[in-house]
C-alpha atoms as a PDB file:
ATOM      1  CA  UNK A   1      20.628 -26.767 -26.768  1.00  0.00           C
ATOM      2  CA  UNK A   2      21.584 -28.769 -29.837  1.00  0.00           C
ATOM      3  CA  UNK A   3      20.004 -27.963 -33.157  1.00  0.00           C
ATOM      4  CA  UNK A   4      21.682 -30.017 -35.892  1.00  0.00           C
ATOM      5  CA  UNK A   5      18.945 -29.142 -38.383  1.00  0.00           C
ATOM      6  CA  UNK A   6      19.659 -25.417 -38.249  1.00  0.00           C
ATOM      7  CA  UNK A   7      22.309 -23.851 -40.388  1.00  0.00           C
ATOM      8  CA  UNK A   8      23.426 -20.504 -41.692  1.00  0.00           C
ATOM      9  CA  UNK A   9      24.541 -20.044 -45.253  1.00  0.00           C
ATOM     10  CA  UNK A  10      26.104 -16.633 -45.694  1.00  0.00           C
ATOM     11  CA  UNK A  11      25.742 -15.216 -49.194  1.00  0.00           C
ATOM     12  CA  UNK A  12      28.022 -12.278 -50.035  1.00  0.00           C
ATOM     13  CA  UNK A  13      27.509  -9.479 -52.514  1.00  0.00           C
ATOM     14  CA  UNK A  14      30.636  -7.374 -52.730  1.00  0.00           C
ATOM     15  CA  UNK A  15      30.940  -3.626 -52.364  1.00  0.00           C
ATOM     16  CA  UNK A  16      33.386  -1.892 -50.043  1.00  0.00           C
ATOM     17  CA  UNK A  17      35.363  -4.494 -48.082  1.00  0.00           C
ATOM     18  CA  UNK A  18      35.485  -2.346 -44.931  1.00  0.00           C
ATOM     19  CA  UNK A  19      31.725  -1.626 -44.959  1.00  0.00           C
ATOM     20  CA  UNK A  20      29.828  -4.853 -44.507  1.00  0.00           C
ATOM     21  CA  UNK A  21      26.108  -5.072 -43.764  1.00  0.00           C
ATOM     22  CA  UNK A  22      24.616  -8.317 -42.468  1.00  0.00           C
ATOM     23  CA  UNK A  23      21.015  -8.999 -43.536  1.00  0.00           C
ATOM     24  CA  UNK A  24      19.143 -11.146 -41.013  1.00  0.00           C
ATOM     25  CA  UNK A  25      15.875 -12.930 -41.935  1.00  0.00           C
ATOM     26  CA  UNK A  26      12.709 -13.627 -40.006  1.00  0.00           C
ATOM     27  CA  UNK A  27      11.151 -17.008 -39.246  1.00  0.00           C
ATOM     28  CA  UNK A  28       9.634 -17.533 -42.687  1.00  0.00           C
ATOM     29  CA  UNK A  29      10.909 -14.352 -44.300  1.00  0.00           C
ATOM     30  CA  UNK A  30      14.133 -15.150 -46.161  1.00  0.00           C
ATOM     31  CA  UNK A  31      16.519 -12.644 -47.763  1.00  0.00           C
ATOM     32  CA  UNK A  32      14.802 -13.445 -51.081  1.00  0.00           C
ATOM     33  CA  UNK A  33      11.519 -11.884 -49.926  1.00  0.00           C
ATOM     34  CA  UNK A  34      10.766  -8.317 -51.102  1.00  0.00           C
ATOM     35  CA  UNK A  35      11.706  -6.236 -48.034  1.00  0.00           C
ATOM     36  CA  UNK A  36      15.105  -7.907 -47.628  1.00  0.00           C
ATOM     37  CA  UNK A  37      15.739  -8.287 -51.357  1.00  0.00           C
ATOM     38  CA  UNK A  38      15.346  -4.548 -51.861  1.00  0.00           C
ATOM     39  CA  UNK A  39      17.271  -3.812 -48.665  1.00  0.00           C
ATOM     40  CA  UNK A  40      20.196  -5.657 -50.266  1.00  0.00           C
ATOM     41  CA  UNK A  41      19.778  -3.583 -53.442  1.00  0.00           C
ATOM     42  CA  UNK A  42      19.790  -0.338 -51.442  1.00  0.00           C
ATOM     43  CA  UNK A  43      22.923  -1.374 -49.563  1.00  0.00           C
ATOM     44  CA  UNK A  44      24.769  -2.309 -52.745  1.00  0.00           C
ATOM     45  CA  UNK A  45      23.789   0.997 -54.377  1.00  0.00           C
ATOM     46  CA  UNK A  46      25.388   2.776 -51.432  1.00  0.00           C
ATOM     47  CA  UNK A  47      28.606   0.789 -51.778  1.00  0.00           C
ATOM     48  CA  UNK A  48      28.195  -1.739 -48.953  1.00  0.00           C
ATOM     49  CA  UNK A  49      29.249  -5.364 -49.095  1.00  0.00           C
ATOM     50  CA  UNK A  50      26.211  -7.421 -48.088  1.00  0.00           C
ATOM     51  CA  UNK A  51      26.245 -10.734 -46.265  1.00  0.00           C
ATOM     52  CA  UNK A  52      22.833 -12.405 -46.258  1.00  0.00           C
ATOM     53  CA  UNK A  53      22.195 -14.825 -43.438  1.00  0.00           C
ATOM     54  CA  UNK A  54      20.024 -17.788 -44.438  1.00  0.00           C
ATOM     55  CA  UNK A  55      18.827 -20.192 -41.814  1.00  0.00           C
ATOM     56  CA  UNK A  56      16.562 -23.139 -41.291  1.00  0.00           C
ATOM     57  CA  UNK A  57      14.492 -22.900 -38.146  1.00  0.00           C
ATOM     58  CA  UNK A  58      15.038 -26.068 -36.093  1.00  0.00           C
ATOM     59  CA  UNK A  59      12.227 -28.491 -35.382  1.00  0.00           C
ATOM     60  CA  UNK A  60      10.554 -27.680 -32.089  1.00  0.00           C
ATOM     61  CA  UNK A  61      11.445 -23.985 -32.364  1.00  0.00           C
ATOM     62  CA  UNK A  62       7.843 -23.076 -31.511  1.00  0.00           C
ATOM     63  CA  UNK A  63       8.395 -24.704 -28.103  1.00  0.00           C
ATOM     64  CA  UNK A  64      11.622 -22.773 -27.400  1.00  0.00           C
ATOM     65  CA  UNK A  65      11.366 -20.268 -24.577  1.00  0.00           C
ATOM     66  CA  UNK A  66      11.945 -16.623 -25.452  1.00  0.00           C
ATOM     67  CA  UNK A  67      15.422 -16.857 -23.922  1.00  0.00           C
ATOM     68  CA  UNK A  68      16.228 -19.928 -26.048  1.00  0.00           C
ATOM     69  CA  UNK A  69      15.050 -18.125 -29.181  1.00  0.00           C
ATOM     70  CA  UNK A  70      17.163 -15.097 -28.311  1.00  0.00           C
ATOM     71  CA  UNK A  71      20.226 -17.306 -27.739  1.00  0.00           C
ATOM     72  CA  UNK A  72      19.650 -19.143 -31.035  1.00  0.00           C
ATOM     73  CA  UNK A  73      19.373 -15.914 -33.057  1.00  0.00           C
ATOM     74  CA  UNK A  74      22.216 -14.154 -31.235  1.00  0.00           C
ATOM     75  CA  UNK A  75      24.560 -17.086 -31.860  1.00  0.00           C
ATOM     76  CA  UNK A  76      23.932 -17.008 -35.606  1.00  0.00           C
ATOM     77  CA  UNK A  77      24.149 -13.230 -35.913  1.00  0.00           C
ATOM     78  CA  UNK A  78      27.315 -13.103 -33.788  1.00  0.00           C
ATOM     79  CA  UNK A  79      28.929 -15.734 -36.025  1.00  0.00           C
ATOM     80  CA  UNK A  80      28.027 -13.721 -39.141  1.00  0.00           C
ATOM     81  CA  UNK A  81      29.408 -10.490 -37.653  1.00  0.00           C
ATOM     82  CA  UNK A  82      32.590 -12.157 -36.418  1.00  0.00           C
ATOM     83  CA  UNK A  83      33.178 -13.716 -39.846  1.00  0.00           C
ATOM     84  CA  UNK A  84      33.656 -10.181 -41.159  1.00  0.00           C
ATOM     85  CA  UNK A  85      36.717  -9.546 -38.939  1.00  0.00           C
ATOM     86  CA  UNK A  86      35.598  -6.122 -37.723  1.00  0.00           C
ATOM     87  CA  UNK A  87      34.179  -4.878 -41.045  1.00  0.00           C
ATOM     88  CA  UNK A  88      30.501  -5.367 -40.118  1.00  0.00           C
ATOM     89  CA  UNK A  89      29.147  -1.904 -39.453  1.00  0.00           C
ATOM     90  CA  UNK A  90      25.411  -2.379 -40.153  1.00  0.00           C
ATOM     91  CA  UNK A  91      22.732  -4.987 -39.466  1.00  0.00           C
ATOM     92  CA  UNK A  92      19.397  -5.029 -41.314  1.00  0.00           C
ATOM     93  CA  UNK A  93      16.998  -7.490 -39.716  1.00  0.00           C
ATOM     94  CA  UNK A  94      13.409  -8.623 -40.077  1.00  0.00           C
ATOM     95  CA  UNK A  95      11.153  -9.770 -37.240  1.00  0.00           C
ATOM     96  CA  UNK A  96      12.856 -12.754 -35.544  1.00  0.00           C
ATOM     97  CA  UNK A  97      16.185 -11.220 -36.536  1.00  0.00           C
ATOM     98  CA  UNK A  98      15.457  -8.326 -34.182  1.00  0.00           C
ATOM     99  CA  UNK A  99      16.199 -10.662 -31.276  1.00  0.00           C
ATOM    100  CA  UNK A 100      19.796  -9.717 -32.140  1.00  0.00           C
ATOM    101  CA  UNK A 101      19.185  -6.053 -31.211  1.00  0.00           C
ATOM    102  CA  UNK A 102      21.375  -6.546 -28.145  1.00  0.00           C
ATOM    103  CA  UNK A 103      24.296  -7.710 -30.301  1.00  0.00           C
ATOM    104  CA  UNK A 104      24.069  -4.568 -32.456  1.00  0.00           C
ATOM    105  CA  UNK A 105      23.652  -2.295 -29.420  1.00  0.00           C
ATOM    106  CA  UNK A 106      26.519  -3.823 -27.442  1.00  0.00           C
ATOM    107  CA  UNK A 107      28.913  -3.793 -30.418  1.00  0.00           C
ATOM    108  CA  UNK A 108      27.944  -0.251 -31.503  1.00  0.00           C
ATOM    109  CA  UNK A 109      26.694  -1.421 -34.902  1.00  0.00           C
ATOM    110  CA  UNK A 110      24.281   0.665 -36.973  1.00  0.00           C
ATOM    111  CA  UNK A 111      20.933  -1.051 -37.533  1.00  0.00           C
ATOM    112  CA  UNK A 112      17.675  -1.042 -39.445  1.00  0.00           C
ATOM    113  CA  UNK A 113      14.984  -3.288 -37.967  1.00  0.00           C
ATOM    114  CA  UNK A 114      11.965  -4.158 -40.120  1.00  0.00           C
ATOM    115  CA  UNK A 115       9.003  -5.207 -37.974  1.00  0.00           C
ATOM    116  CA  UNK A 116      11.057  -5.599 -34.785  1.00  0.00           C
ATOM    117  CA  UNK A 117       9.470  -7.598 -31.972  1.00  0.00           C
ATOM    118  CA  UNK A 118       8.903  -4.546 -29.764  1.00  0.00           C
ATOM    119  CA  UNK A 119       6.544  -6.399 -27.424  1.00  0.00           C
ATOM    120  CA  UNK A 120       9.461  -8.558 -26.225  1.00  0.00           C
ATOM    121  CA  UNK A 121      11.209  -6.818 -23.334  1.00  0.00           C
ATOM    122  CA  UNK A 122      14.667  -7.946 -24.473  1.00  0.00           C
ATOM    123  CA  UNK A 123      14.223  -6.161 -27.824  1.00  0.00           C
ATOM    124  CA  UNK A 124      12.901  -2.905 -26.335  1.00  0.00           C
ATOM    125  CA  UNK A 125      15.652  -2.866 -23.689  1.00  0.00           C
ATOM    126  CA  UNK A 126      18.363  -3.464 -26.301  1.00  0.00           C
ATOM    127  CA  UNK A 127      16.988  -0.682 -28.488  1.00  0.00           C
ATOM    128  CA  UNK A 128      17.065   1.660 -25.494  1.00  0.00           C
ATOM    129  CA  UNK A 129      20.796   0.860 -25.114  1.00  0.00           C
ATOM    130  CA  UNK A 130      21.575   1.394 -28.796  1.00  0.00           C
ATOM    131  CA  UNK A 131      23.513   4.609 -29.384  1.00  0.00           C
ATOM    132  CA  UNK A 132      24.320   4.210 -33.086  1.00  0.00           C
ATOM    133  CA  UNK A 133      21.843   5.424 -35.743  1.00  0.00           C
ATOM    134  CA  UNK A 134      18.949   2.983 -35.889  1.00  0.00           C
ATOM    135  CA  UNK A 135      15.835   2.821 -38.069  1.00  0.00           C
ATOM    136  CA  UNK A 136      12.675   1.054 -36.876  1.00  0.00           C
ATOM    137  CA  UNK A 137       9.946   0.182 -39.390  1.00  0.00           C
ATOM    138  CA  UNK A 138       6.604  -1.329 -38.427  1.00  0.00           C
ATOM    139  CA  UNK A 139       2.929  -1.412 -39.217  1.00  0.00           C
ATOM    140  CA  UNK A 140       0.117  -0.268 -36.964  1.00  0.00           C
ATOM    141  CA  UNK A 141      -1.782  -3.554 -37.574  1.00  0.00           C
ATOM    142  CA  UNK A 142       1.186  -5.681 -36.471  1.00  0.00           C
ATOM    143  CA  UNK A 143       0.597  -7.333 -33.079  1.00  0.00           C
ATOM    144  CA  UNK A 144       4.321  -7.261 -32.178  1.00  0.00           C
ATOM    145  CA  UNK A 145       4.732  -3.569 -33.044  1.00  0.00           C
ATOM    146  CA  UNK A 146       4.002  -1.044 -30.323  1.00  0.00           C
ATOM    147  CA  UNK A 147       3.735   2.594 -31.458  1.00  0.00           C
ATOM    148  CA  UNK A 148       4.274   3.944 -27.965  1.00  0.00           C
ATOM    149  CA  UNK A 149       7.432   1.910 -27.408  1.00  0.00           C
ATOM    150  CA  UNK A 150       8.772   2.780 -30.878  1.00  0.00           C
ATOM    151  CA  UNK A 151       8.281   6.499 -30.250  1.00  0.00           C
ATOM    152  CA  UNK A 152       9.962   6.309 -26.833  1.00  0.00           C
ATOM    153  CA  UNK A 153      13.242   4.790 -28.033  1.00  0.00           C
ATOM    154  CA  UNK A 154      14.788   7.881 -29.598  1.00  0.00           C
ATOM    155  CA  UNK A 155      15.456   6.274 -32.997  1.00  0.00           C
ATOM    156  CA  UNK A 156      14.177   7.026 -36.488  1.00  0.00           C
ATOM    157  CA  UNK A 157      10.744   5.448 -36.878  1.00  0.00           C
ATOM    158  CA  UNK A 158       8.576   4.733 -39.887  1.00  0.00           C
ATOM    159  CA  UNK A 159       5.143   3.456 -38.906  1.00  0.00           C
ATOM    160  CA  UNK A 160       2.899   2.410 -41.765  1.00  0.00           C
ATOM    161  CA  UNK A 161      -0.826   2.786 -40.985  1.00  0.00           C
ATOM    162  CA  UNK A 162      -2.818  -0.459 -41.304  1.00  0.00           C
ATOM    163  CA  UNK A 163       0.236  -2.521 -42.347  1.00  0.00           C
ATOM    164  CA  UNK A 164       0.603  -6.011 -40.882  1.00  0.00           C
ATOM    165  CA  UNK A 165       3.715  -7.943 -39.815  1.00  0.00           C
ATOM    166  CA  UNK A 166       4.725  -8.452 -43.449  1.00  0.00           C
ATOM    167  CA  UNK A 167       4.346  -4.682 -43.975  1.00  0.00           C
ATOM    168  CA  UNK A 168       1.435  -5.405 -46.276  1.00  0.00           C
ATOM    169  CA  UNK A 169      -2.132  -4.117 -46.340  1.00  0.00           C
ATOM    170  CA  UNK A 170      -4.937  -6.681 -46.023  1.00  0.00           C
ATOM    171  CA  UNK A 171      -6.801  -7.237 -49.306  1.00  0.00           C
ATOM    172  CA  UNK A 172      -4.884  -4.444 -51.049  1.00  0.00           C
ATOM    173  CA  UNK A 173      -2.104  -5.736 -53.310  1.00  0.00           C
ATOM    174  CA  UNK A 174      -1.511  -2.390 -55.056  1.00  0.00           C
ATOM    175  CA  UNK A 175      -1.468  -0.588 -51.701  1.00  0.00           C
ATOM    176  CA  UNK A 176       1.027  -3.154 -50.399  1.00  0.00           C
ATOM    177  CA  UNK A 177       3.345  -2.367 -53.310  1.00  0.00           C
ATOM    178  CA  UNK A 178       3.086   1.325 -52.362  1.00  0.00           C
ATOM    179  CA  UNK A 179       4.045   0.406 -48.783  1.00  0.00           C
ATOM    180  CA  UNK A 180       7.061  -1.523 -50.079  1.00  0.00           C
ATOM    181  CA  UNK A 181       8.093   1.519 -52.125  1.00  0.00           C
ATOM    182  CA  UNK A 182       7.742   3.759 -49.065  1.00  0.00           C
ATOM    183  CA  UNK A 183       9.789   1.427 -46.848  1.00  0.00           C
ATOM    184  CA  UNK A 184      12.539   1.011 -49.463  1.00  0.00           C
ATOM    185  CA  UNK A 185      12.675   4.781 -49.987  1.00  0.00           C
ATOM    186  CA  UNK A 186      13.027   5.392 -46.236  1.00  0.00           C
ATOM    187  CA  UNK A 187      15.710   2.704 -45.969  1.00  0.00           C
ATOM    188  CA  UNK A 188      17.526   4.327 -48.894  1.00  0.00           C
ATOM    189  CA  UNK A 189      17.516   7.719 -47.105  1.00  0.00           C
ATOM    190  CA  UNK A 190      18.673   6.102 -43.867  1.00  0.00           C
ATOM    191  CA  UNK A 191      21.542   4.186 -45.475  1.00  0.00           C
ATOM    192  CA  UNK A 192      22.492   7.260 -47.503  1.00  0.00           C
ATOM    193  CA  UNK A 193      22.682   9.329 -44.326  1.00  0.00           C
ATOM    194  CA  UNK A 194      25.304   6.994 -42.857  1.00  0.00           C
ATOM    195  CA  UNK A 195      28.020   8.373 -45.126  1.00  0.00           C
ATOM    196  CA  UNK A 196      31.135   6.564 -46.247  1.00  0.00           C
END
């Protein structure tokens, strides 16, 4: 599968050189968007070096099979992890990025998944295999979030009532800011619990 229009531009923010976190975007949710922007801030405050993965979704991506989408995401995330020469110890991913759950599980990498695609068998199976500390964050109004699956995986879970796939509340801007604060606070506690 050739995709010359896709690319990854890693952006680094330096902290500890032996503690690198890779931030993985969603389809239309770049590292500049609030959840991932503040995730980067949390990581830096805890002394991590952060590599943000930026990508352009290739034309025709909507017609890719699930397996092709998984392969596309896994290739980019693997390249980002391998570029860190063994220093990548944490992945923070949003939505589409969660298709790389298997990479994190198989390489024993800590993870925080924001709105993971729990309704895709590959993602749920990978999360069942994951043995390192993992945080799952989703909203009860998100069609790709499944409360029952999330609770069954044995990981830390933050479910936000009525939040959608963007972890926002419909027609409630102030309430959405409160949700963002809650998610960032939980991510801060999770990252802080990982130690040095």
